[in-house]
């Protein structure tokens, strides 16, 4: 019982730290725009990563709000 509570607390701390880091990863997406030639494939790939990050961030906030 106590280990389950400790594991839940650690999981919440890990999720909160991930959520705090995510906005900085959005800024990292802008770096390739200044360093690579913008082909359609490159822009599509960066857009896909950006949308995926927003989706994960949305899911993480839902997980934190449910508990």
PDB file of N, CA and C in Angstrom:
ATOM      1  N   UNK A   1       0.830  -1.198   0.000  1.00  0.00           N
ATOM      2  CA  UNK A   1       0.000   0.000   0.000  1.00  0.00           C
ATOM      3  C   UNK A   1       0.870   1.257   0.000  1.00  0.00           C
ATOM      4  N   UNK A   2       1.865   1.275   0.880  1.00  0.00           N
ATOM      5  CA  UNK A   2       2.741   2.449   0.963  1.00  0.00           C
ATOM      6  C   UNK A   2       3.559   2.592  -0.315  1.00  0.00           C
ATOM      7  N   UNK A   3       4.038   1.470  -0.856  1.00  0.00           N
ATOM      8  CA  UNK A   3       4.817   1.566  -2.095  1.00  0.00           C
ATOM      9  C   UNK A   3       3.961   2.051  -3.256  1.00  0.00           C
ATOM     10  N   UNK A   4       2.689   1.690  -3.267  1.00  0.00           N
ATOM     11  CA  UNK A   4       1.794   2.177  -4.324  1.00  0.00           C
ATOM     12  C   UNK A   4       1.621   3.686  -4.233  1.00  0.00           C
ATOM     13  N   UNK A   5       1.500   4.204  -3.018  1.00  0.00           N
ATOM     14  CA  UNK A   5       1.372   5.655  -2.826  1.00  0.00           C
ATOM     15  C   UNK A   5       2.652   6.359  -3.252  1.00  0.00           C
ATOM     16  N   UNK A   6       3.800   5.795  -2.869  1.00  0.00           N
ATOM     17  CA  UNK A   6       5.083   6.396  -3.251  1.00  0.00           C
ATOM     18  C   UNK A   6       5.249   6.375  -4.767  1.00  0.00           C
ATOM     19  N   UNK A   7       4.888   5.271  -5.406  1.00  0.00           N
ATOM     20  CA  UNK A   7       4.989   5.189  -6.868  1.00  0.00           C
ATOM     21  C   UNK A   7       4.074   6.196  -7.547  1.00  0.00           C
ATOM     22  N   UNK A   8       2.876   6.416  -7.000  1.00  0.00           N
ATOM     23  CA  UNK A   8       1.959   7.398  -7.577  1.00  0.00           C
ATOM     24  C   UNK A   8       2.528   8.802  -7.441  1.00  0.00           C
ATOM     25  N   UNK A   9       3.117   9.103  -6.289  1.00  0.00           N
ATOM     26  CA  UNK A   9       3.716  10.423  -6.078  1.00  0.00           C
ATOM     27  C   UNK A   9       4.865  10.632  -7.049  1.00  0.00           C
ATOM     28  N   UNK A  10       5.713   9.623  -7.210  1.00  0.00           N
ATOM     29  CA  UNK A  10       6.837   9.743  -8.144  1.00  0.00           C
ATOM     30  C   UNK A  10       6.341   9.908  -9.574  1.00  0.00           C
ATOM     31  N   UNK A  11       5.306   9.173  -9.936  1.00  0.00           N
ATOM     32  CA  UNK A  11       4.756   9.291 -11.285  1.00  0.00           C
ATOM     33  C   UNK A  11       4.215  10.693 -11.529  1.00  0.00           C
ATOM     34  N   UNK A  12       3.522  11.254 -10.548  1.00  0.00           N
ATOM     35  CA  UNK A  12       3.001  12.616 -10.700  1.00  0.00           C
ATOM     36  C   UNK A  12       4.135  13.622 -10.824  1.00  0.00           C
ATOM     37  N   UNK A  13       5.205  13.435 -10.048  1.00  0.00           N
ATOM     38  CA  UNK A  13       6.347  14.345 -10.146  1.00  0.00           C
ATOM     39  C   UNK A  13       6.996  14.254 -11.518  1.00  0.00           C
ATOM     40  N   UNK A  14       7.123  13.047 -12.038  1.00  0.00           N
ATOM     41  CA  UNK A  14       7.719  12.868 -13.363  1.00  0.00           C
ATOM     42  C   UNK A  14       6.845  13.511 -14.434  1.00  0.00           C
ATOM     43  N   UNK A  15       5.531  13.300 -14.365  1.00  0.00           N
ATOM     44  CA  UNK A  15       4.627  13.893 -15.353  1.00  0.00           C
ATOM     45  C   UNK A  15       4.658  15.414 -15.291  1.00  0.00           C
ATOM     46  N   UNK A  16       4.692  15.968 -14.088  1.00  0.00           N
ATOM     47  CA  UNK A  16       4.740  17.426 -13.961  1.00  0.00           C
ATOM     48  C   UNK A  16       6.046  17.981 -14.508  1.00  0.00           C
ATOM     49  N   UNK A  17       7.157  17.288 -14.298  1.00  0.00           N
ATOM     50  CA  UNK A  17       8.426  17.773 -14.832  1.00  0.00           C
ATOM     51  C   UNK A  17       8.438  17.700 -16.352  1.00  0.00           C
ATOM     52  N   UNK A  18       7.815  16.664 -16.923  1.00  0.00           N
ATOM     53  CA  UNK A  18       7.737  16.569 -18.386  1.00  0.00           C
ATOM     54  C   UNK A  18       6.897  17.708 -18.948  1.00  0.00           C
ATOM     55  N   UNK A  19       5.781  18.004 -18.297  1.00  0.00           N
ATOM     56  CA  UNK A  19       4.909  19.084 -18.761  1.00  0.00           C
ATOM     57  C   UNK A  19       5.626  20.427 -18.683  1.00  0.00           C
ATOM     58  N   UNK A  20       6.464  20.626 -17.683  1.00  0.00           N
ATOM     59  CA  UNK A  20       7.205  21.884 -17.558  1.00  0.00           C
ATOM     60  C   UNK A  20       8.267  22.018 -18.643  1.00  0.00           C
ATOM     61  N   UNK A  21       8.799  20.898 -19.133  1.00  0.00           N
ATOM     62  CA  UNK A  21       9.855  20.936 -20.145  1.00  0.00           C
ATOM     63  C   UNK A  21       9.293  21.144 -21.551  1.00  0.00           C
ATOM     64  N   UNK A  22       8.065  20.707 -21.819  1.00  0.00           N
ATOM     65  CA  UNK A  22       7.508  20.736 -23.168  1.00  0.00           C
ATOM     66  C   UNK A  22       7.528  22.103 -23.852  1.00  0.00           C
ATOM     67  N   UNK A  23       7.205  23.215 -23.189  1.00  0.00           N
ATOM     68  CA  UNK A  23       7.246  24.492 -23.921  1.00  0.00           C
ATOM     69  C   UNK A  23       8.616  24.812 -24.508  1.00  0.00           C
ATOM     70  N   UNK A  24       9.687  24.358 -23.868  1.00  0.00           N
ATOM     71  CA  UNK A  24      11.019  24.610 -24.396  1.00  0.00           C
ATOM     72  C   UNK A  24      11.298  23.762 -25.630  1.00  0.00           C
ATOM     73  N   UNK A  25      10.666  22.588 -25.726  1.00  0.00           N
ATOM     74  CA  UNK A  25      10.858  21.774 -26.925  1.00  0.00           C
ATOM     75  C   UNK A  25      10.179  22.419 -28.129  1.00  0.00           C
ATOM     76  N   UNK A  26       9.125  23.191 -27.903  1.00  0.00           N
ATOM     77  CA  UNK A  26       8.498  23.907 -29.012  1.00  0.00           C
ATOM     78  C   UNK A  26       9.468  24.925 -29.609  1.00  0.00           C
ATOM     79  N   UNK A  27      10.257  25.561 -28.764  1.00  0.00           N
ATOM     80  CA  UNK A  27      11.246  26.511 -29.261  1.00  0.00           C
ATOM     81  C   UNK A  27      12.328  25.809 -30.071  1.00  0.00           C
ATOM     82  N   UNK A  28      12.667  24.579 -29.688  1.00  0.00           N
ATOM     83  CA  UNK A  28      13.674  23.834 -30.440  1.00  0.00           C
ATOM     84  C   UNK A  28      13.208  23.522 -31.855  1.00  0.00           C
ATOM     85  N   UNK A  29      11.908  23.482 -32.074  1.00  0.00           N
ATOM     86  CA  UNK A  29      11.400  23.227 -33.423  1.00  0.00           C
ATOM     87  C   UNK A  29      11.712  24.369 -34.371  1.00  0.00           C
ATOM     88  N   UNK A  30      11.940  25.552 -33.870  1.00  0.00           N
ATOM     89  CA  UNK A  30      12.210  26.698 -34.735  1.00  0.00           C
ATOM     90  C   UNK A  30      13.637  26.704 -35.262  1.00  0.00           C
ATOM     91  N   UNK A  31      14.555  26.034 -34.583  1.00  0.00           N
ATOM     92  CA  UNK A  31      15.958  26.050 -34.988  1.00  0.00           C
ATOM     93  C   UNK A  31      16.161  25.509 -36.404  1.00  0.00           C
ATOM     94  N   UNK A  32      15.555  24.375 -36.786  1.00  0.00           N
ATOM     95  CA  UNK A  32      15.785  23.884 -38.160  1.00  0.00           C
ATOM     96  C   UNK A  32      15.326  24.848 -39.247  1.00  0.00           C
ATOM     97  N   UNK A  33      14.363  25.718 -38.957  1.00  0.00           N
ATOM     98  CA  UNK A  33      13.920  26.679 -39.962  1.00  0.00           C
ATOM     99  C   UNK A  33      15.031  27.641 -40.353  1.00  0.00           C
ATOM    100  N   UNK A  34      15.977  27.850 -39.456  1.00  0.00           N
ATOM    101  CA  UNK A  34      17.069  28.767 -39.746  1.00  0.00           C
ATOM    102  C   UNK A  34      18.320  28.050 -40.239  1.00  0.00           C
ATOM    103  N   UNK A  35      18.367  26.722 -40.110  1.00  0.00           N
ATOM    104  CA  UNK A  35      19.600  26.009 -40.441  1.00  0.00           C
ATOM    105  C   UNK A  35      19.498  25.108 -41.660  1.00  0.00           C
ATOM    106  N   UNK A  36      18.291  24.736 -42.107  1.00  0.00           N
ATOM    107  CA  UNK A  36      18.175  23.826 -43.247  1.00  0.00           C
ATOM    108  C   UNK A  36      17.422  24.504 -44.377  1.00  0.00           C
ATOM    109  N   UNK A  37      17.620  23.964 -45.550  1.00  0.00           N
ATOM    110  CA  UNK A  37      16.850  24.419 -46.704  1.00  0.00           C
ATOM    111  C   UNK A  37      15.432  23.886 -46.551  1.00  0.00           C
ATOM    112  N   UNK A  38      14.457  24.751 -46.666  1.00  0.00           N
ATOM    113  CA  UNK A  38      13.079  24.358 -46.385  1.00  0.00           C
ATOM    114  C   UNK A  38      12.446  23.670 -47.593  1.00  0.00           C
ATOM    115  N   UNK A  39      12.589  22.369 -47.645  1.00  0.00           N
ATOM    116  CA  UNK A  39      11.889  21.594 -48.662  1.00  0.00           C
ATOM    117  C   UNK A  39      10.523  21.206 -48.113  1.00  0.00           C
ATOM    118  N   UNK A  40       9.675  20.679 -48.978  1.00  0.00           N
ATOM    119  CA  UNK A  40       8.340  20.271 -48.545  1.00  0.00           C
ATOM    120  C   UNK A  40       8.429  19.163 -47.506  1.00  0.00           C
ATOM    121  N   UNK A  41       9.329  18.217 -47.707  1.00  0.00           N
ATOM    122  CA  UNK A  41       9.471  17.099 -46.771  1.00  0.00           C
ATOM    123  C   UNK A  41       9.923  17.591 -45.402  1.00  0.00           C
ATOM    124  N   UNK A  42      10.875  18.513 -45.375  1.00  0.00           N
ATOM    125  CA  UNK A  42      11.353  19.046 -44.102  1.00  0.00           C
ATOM    126  C   UNK A  42      10.268  19.786 -43.342  1.00  0.00           C
ATOM    127  N   UNK A  43       9.512  20.613 -44.046  1.00  0.00           N
ATOM    128  CA  UNK A  43       8.433  21.367 -43.408  1.00  0.00           C
ATOM    129  C   UNK A  43       7.344  20.417 -42.922  1.00  0.00           C
ATOM    130  N   UNK A  44       7.007  19.410 -43.727  1.00  0.00           N
ATOM    131  CA  UNK A  44       5.996  18.435 -43.327  1.00  0.00           C
ATOM    132  C   UNK A  44       6.442  17.670 -42.082  1.00  0.00           C
ATOM    133  N   UNK A  45       7.703  17.263 -42.041  1.00  0.00           N
ATOM    134  CA  UNK A  45       8.233  16.531 -40.893  1.00  0.00           C
ATOM    135  C   UNK A  45       8.207  17.395 -39.637  1.00  0.00           C
ATOM    136  N   UNK A  46       8.635  18.646 -39.734  1.00  0.00           N
ATOM    137  CA  UNK A  46       8.624  19.543 -38.573  1.00  0.00           C
ATOM    138  C   UNK A  46       7.200  19.831 -38.109  1.00  0.00           C
ATOM    139  N   UNK A  47       6.268  19.983 -39.050  1.00  0.00           N
ATOM    140  CA  UNK A  47       4.870  20.201 -38.693  1.00  0.00           C
ATOM    141  C   UNK A  47       4.297  18.985 -37.972  1.00  0.00           C
ATOM    142  N   UNK A  48       4.644  17.793 -38.441  1.00  0.00           N
ATOM    143  CA  UNK A  48       4.188  16.571 -37.791  1.00  0.00           C
ATOM    144  C   UNK A  48       4.712  16.486 -36.358  1.00  0.00           C
ATOM    145  N   UNK A  49       5.981  16.787 -36.140  1.00  0.00           N
ATOM    146  CA  UNK A  49       6.553  16.756 -34.787  1.00  0.00           C
ATOM    147  C   UNK A  49       5.872  17.789 -33.904  1.00  0.00           C
ATOM    148  N   UNK A  50       5.628  18.971 -34.440  1.00  0.00           N
ATOM    149  CA  UNK A  50       4.995  20.036 -33.665  1.00  0.00           C
ATOM    150  C   UNK A  50       3.581  19.633 -33.236  1.00  0.00           C
ATOM    151  N   UNK A  51       2.801  19.064 -34.152  1.00  0.00           N
ATOM    152  CA  UNK A  51       1.441  18.617 -33.827  1.00  0.00           C
ATOM    153  C   UNK A  51       1.482  17.477 -32.820  1.00  0.00           C
ATOM    154  N   UNK A  52       2.423  16.576 -32.970  1.00  0.00           N
ATOM    155  CA  UNK A  52       2.560  15.465 -32.031  1.00  0.00           C
ATOM    156  C   UNK A  52       2.889  15.966 -30.628  1.00  0.00           C
ATOM    157  N   UNK A  53       3.730  16.978 -30.526  1.00  0.00           N
ATOM    158  CA  UNK A  53       4.059  17.537 -29.214  1.00  0.00           C
ATOM    159  C   UNK A  53       2.836  18.185 -28.573  1.00  0.00           C
ATOM    160  N   UNK A  54       2.057  18.909 -29.346  1.00  0.00           N
ATOM    161  CA  UNK A  54       0.840  19.500 -28.785  1.00  0.00           C
ATOM    162  C   UNK A  54      -0.131  18.427 -28.316  1.00  0.00           C
ATOM    163  N   UNK A  55      -0.245  17.344 -29.073  1.00  0.00           N
ATOM    164  CA  UNK A  55      -1.139  16.253 -28.690  1.00  0.00           C
ATOM    165  C   UNK A  55      -0.677  15.612 -27.380  1.00  0.00           C
ATOM    166  N   UNK A  56       0.609  15.347 -27.261  1.00  0.00           N
ATOM    167  CA  UNK A  56       1.141  14.749 -26.030  1.00  0.00           C
ATOM    168  C   UNK A  56       0.955  15.699 -24.859  1.00  0.00           C
ATOM    169  N   UNK A  57       1.195  16.981 -25.070  1.00  0.00           N
ATOM    170  CA  UNK A  57       1.008  17.957 -23.997  1.00  0.00           C
ATOM    171  C   UNK A  57      -0.449  18.001 -23.557  1.00  0.00           C
ATOM    172  N   UNK A  58      -1.379  17.950 -24.492  1.00  0.00           N
ATOM    173  CA  UNK A  58      -2.808  17.933 -24.175  1.00  0.00           C
ATOM    174  C   UNK A  58      -3.163  16.698 -23.354  1.00  0.00           C
ATOM    175  N   UNK A  59      -2.647  15.547 -23.756  1.00  0.00           N
ATOM    176  CA  UNK A  59      -2.917  14.313 -23.018  1.00  0.00           C
ATOM    177  C   UNK A  59      -2.310  14.357 -21.620  1.00  0.00           C
ATOM    178  N   UNK A  60      -1.122  14.936 -21.493  1.00  0.00           N
ATOM    179  CA  UNK A  60      -0.475  15.010 -20.179  1.00  0.00           C
ATOM    180  C   UNK A  60      -1.285  15.897 -19.241  1.00  0.00           C
ATOM    181  N   UNK A  61      -1.792  17.007 -19.736  1.00  0.00           N
ATOM    182  CA  UNK A  61      -2.619  17.869 -18.891  1.00  0.00           C
ATOM    183  C   UNK A  61      -3.903  17.160 -18.471  1.00  0.00           C
ATOM    184  N   UNK A  62      -4.485  16.360 -19.368  1.00  0.00           N
ATOM    185  CA  UNK A  62      -5.683  15.600 -19.002  1.00  0.00           C
ATOM    186  C   UNK A  62      -5.380  14.578 -17.929  1.00  0.00           C
ATOM    187  N   UNK A  63      -4.225  13.929 -18.011  1.00  0.00           N
ATOM    188  CA  UNK A  63      -3.847  12.946 -16.992  1.00  0.00           C
ATOM    189  C   UNK A  63      -3.667  13.630 -15.646  1.00  0.00           C
ATOM    190  N   UNK A  64      -3.028  14.790 -15.647  1.00  0.00           N
ATOM    191  CA  UNK A  64      -2.800  15.497 -14.383  1.00  0.00           C
ATOM    192  C   UNK A  64      -4.096  16.043 -13.804  1.00  0.00           C
ATOM    193  N   UNK A  65      -5.042  16.442 -14.655  1.00  0.00           N
ATOM    194  CA  UNK A  65      -6.311  16.981 -14.160  1.00  0.00           C
ATOM    195  C   UNK A  65      -7.216  15.899 -13.591  1.00  0.00           C
ATOM    196  N   UNK A  66      -7.119  14.678 -14.107  1.00  0.00           N
ATOM    197  CA  UNK A  66      -7.983  13.596 -13.642  1.00  0.00           C
ATOM    198  C   UNK A  66      -7.642  13.158 -12.226  1.00  0.00           C
ATOM    199  N   UNK A  67      -6.386  13.279 -11.832  1.00  0.00           N
ATOM    200  CA  UNK A  67      -5.977  12.777 -10.513  1.00  0.00           C
ATOM    201  C   UNK A  67      -6.221  13.774  -9.426  1.00  0.00           C
TER     202      UNK A  67
END
